[in-house]
N, C-alpha and C. Protein backbone atom coordinates (compact mmCIF):
# COMPACT_ATOMS: atom_id res chain seq x y z
N UNK A 1 21.98 25.21 -6.80
CA UNK A 1 22.21 24.79 -5.43
C UNK A 1 22.17 23.27 -5.36
N UNK A 2 23.21 22.64 -4.87
CA UNK A 2 23.25 21.18 -4.80
C UNK A 2 22.18 20.59 -3.89
N UNK A 3 21.68 21.38 -2.95
CA UNK A 3 20.66 20.87 -2.02
C UNK A 3 19.32 20.62 -2.71
N UNK A 4 19.06 21.30 -3.82
CA UNK A 4 17.77 21.12 -4.48
C UNK A 4 17.88 20.77 -5.96
N UNK A 5 19.08 20.46 -6.42
CA UNK A 5 19.25 20.15 -7.85
C UNK A 5 18.44 18.92 -8.26
N UNK A 6 18.24 17.99 -7.34
CA UNK A 6 17.44 16.80 -7.66
C UNK A 6 15.99 17.17 -7.96
N UNK A 7 15.49 18.23 -7.36
CA UNK A 7 14.13 18.68 -7.65
C UNK A 7 14.05 19.31 -9.03
N UNK A 8 15.06 20.06 -9.40
CA UNK A 8 15.08 20.70 -10.71
C UNK A 8 15.23 19.67 -11.84
N UNK A 9 15.71 18.49 -11.51
CA UNK A 9 15.88 17.43 -12.50
C UNK A 9 14.59 16.63 -12.73
N UNK A 10 13.56 16.85 -11.95
CA UNK A 10 12.30 16.12 -12.11
C UNK A 10 11.63 16.48 -13.44
N UNK A 11 10.95 15.51 -14.01
CA UNK A 11 10.22 15.75 -15.26
C UNK A 11 9.20 16.87 -15.06
N UNK A 12 9.23 17.84 -15.93
CA UNK A 12 8.28 18.96 -15.88
C UNK A 12 8.69 20.09 -14.94
N UNK A 13 9.77 19.91 -14.21
CA UNK A 13 10.18 20.93 -13.23
C UNK A 13 10.52 22.26 -13.89
N UNK A 14 11.15 22.20 -15.04
CA UNK A 14 11.57 23.44 -15.69
C UNK A 14 10.37 24.34 -16.00
N UNK A 15 9.24 23.73 -16.35
CA UNK A 15 8.04 24.50 -16.69
C UNK A 15 7.15 24.78 -15.49
N UNK A 16 7.18 23.91 -14.47
CA UNK A 16 6.16 23.99 -13.43
C UNK A 16 6.66 24.20 -12.01
N UNK A 17 7.94 24.09 -11.77
CA UNK A 17 8.46 24.18 -10.41
C UNK A 17 9.17 25.50 -10.19
N UNK A 18 8.77 26.18 -9.15
CA UNK A 18 9.44 27.42 -8.75
C UNK A 18 9.86 27.24 -7.30
N UNK A 19 11.14 27.35 -7.05
CA UNK A 19 11.66 27.27 -5.69
C UNK A 19 11.89 28.69 -5.19
N UNK A 20 11.43 28.96 -3.99
CA UNK A 20 11.63 30.29 -3.43
C UNK A 20 11.90 30.19 -1.94
N UNK A 21 12.39 31.26 -1.41
CA UNK A 21 12.72 31.33 0.01
C UNK A 21 11.90 32.45 0.62
N UNK A 22 11.37 32.20 1.82
CA UNK A 22 10.61 33.22 2.52
C UNK A 22 10.94 33.13 4.01
N UNK A 23 10.73 34.21 4.69
CA UNK A 23 10.95 34.28 6.13
C UNK A 23 9.63 33.93 6.82
N UNK A 24 9.60 32.84 7.56
CA UNK A 24 8.36 32.41 8.22
C UNK A 24 7.86 33.43 9.24
N UNK A 25 8.72 34.30 9.68
CA UNK A 25 8.31 35.33 10.64
C UNK A 25 7.91 36.63 9.95
N UNK A 26 7.94 36.65 8.63
CA UNK A 26 7.59 37.84 7.85
C UNK A 26 6.39 37.48 6.96
N UNK A 27 5.21 37.87 7.43
CA UNK A 27 3.96 37.51 6.75
C UNK A 27 3.95 37.95 5.29
N UNK A 28 4.43 39.15 5.01
CA UNK A 28 4.43 39.65 3.63
C UNK A 28 5.32 38.81 2.72
N UNK A 29 6.45 38.33 3.23
CA UNK A 29 7.31 37.50 2.39
C UNK A 29 6.63 36.16 2.09
N UNK A 30 5.85 35.67 3.03
CA UNK A 30 5.10 34.43 2.78
C UNK A 30 4.03 34.64 1.72
N UNK A 31 3.30 35.72 1.84
CA UNK A 31 2.26 36.02 0.84
C UNK A 31 2.86 36.13 -0.56
N UNK A 32 3.98 36.80 -0.66
CA UNK A 32 4.64 36.96 -1.96
C UNK A 32 5.11 35.61 -2.49
N UNK A 33 5.63 34.76 -1.62
CA UNK A 33 6.16 33.47 -2.04
C UNK A 33 5.07 32.53 -2.55
N UNK A 34 3.87 32.60 -1.98
CA UNK A 34 2.82 31.65 -2.35
C UNK A 34 1.81 32.21 -3.34
N UNK A 35 1.96 33.46 -3.74
CA UNK A 35 1.02 34.07 -4.68
C UNK A 35 0.96 33.26 -5.97
N UNK A 36 -0.24 32.84 -6.35
CA UNK A 36 -0.44 32.10 -7.59
C UNK A 36 -0.11 30.62 -7.51
N UNK A 37 0.24 30.13 -6.34
CA UNK A 37 0.62 28.71 -6.19
C UNK A 37 -0.60 27.81 -6.13
N UNK A 38 -0.44 26.62 -6.66
CA UNK A 38 -1.46 25.59 -6.52
C UNK A 38 -1.11 24.63 -5.39
N UNK A 39 0.12 24.66 -4.94
CA UNK A 39 0.57 23.80 -3.85
C UNK A 39 1.86 24.33 -3.26
N UNK A 40 2.07 24.05 -2.00
CA UNK A 40 3.28 24.49 -1.30
C UNK A 40 3.84 23.32 -0.52
N UNK A 41 5.14 23.11 -0.63
CA UNK A 41 5.85 22.12 0.17
C UNK A 41 6.75 22.88 1.13
N UNK A 42 6.43 22.85 2.40
CA UNK A 42 7.25 23.52 3.40
C UNK A 42 8.31 22.52 3.85
N UNK A 43 9.57 22.83 3.60
CA UNK A 43 10.63 21.86 3.86
C UNK A 43 11.65 22.34 4.88
N UNK A 44 11.28 23.33 5.66
CA UNK A 44 12.19 23.83 6.68
C UNK A 44 11.37 24.27 7.88
N UNK A 45 12.05 24.60 8.93
CA UNK A 45 11.37 25.12 10.11
C UNK A 45 12.11 26.35 10.59
N UNK A 46 11.42 27.20 11.32
CA UNK A 46 12.08 28.42 11.79
C UNK A 46 13.18 28.11 12.80
N UNK A 47 14.19 28.94 12.78
CA UNK A 47 15.27 28.84 13.75
C UNK A 47 15.21 30.10 14.60
N UNK A 48 15.20 29.92 15.90
CA UNK A 48 15.11 31.06 16.80
C UNK A 48 16.04 30.87 17.99
N UNK A 49 16.45 31.97 18.58
CA UNK A 49 17.27 31.92 19.79
C UNK A 49 16.42 31.86 21.04
N UNK A 50 15.12 32.00 20.89
CA UNK A 50 14.19 32.01 22.02
C UNK A 50 13.83 30.57 22.40
N UNK A 51 14.24 30.15 23.60
CA UNK A 51 13.95 28.75 23.99
C UNK A 51 12.49 28.58 24.18
């Protein structure tokens, strides 16, 4: 993905970086995404039709 290729090019990324996608409104998907993580960078926000 061109949007995150710069992250994969970082030194050590191949061994230590895992990029994943989760639904912020789905608690189980969040738990699965962060399982075993030492750190999380949240780089998006939820999109909703509810004003």
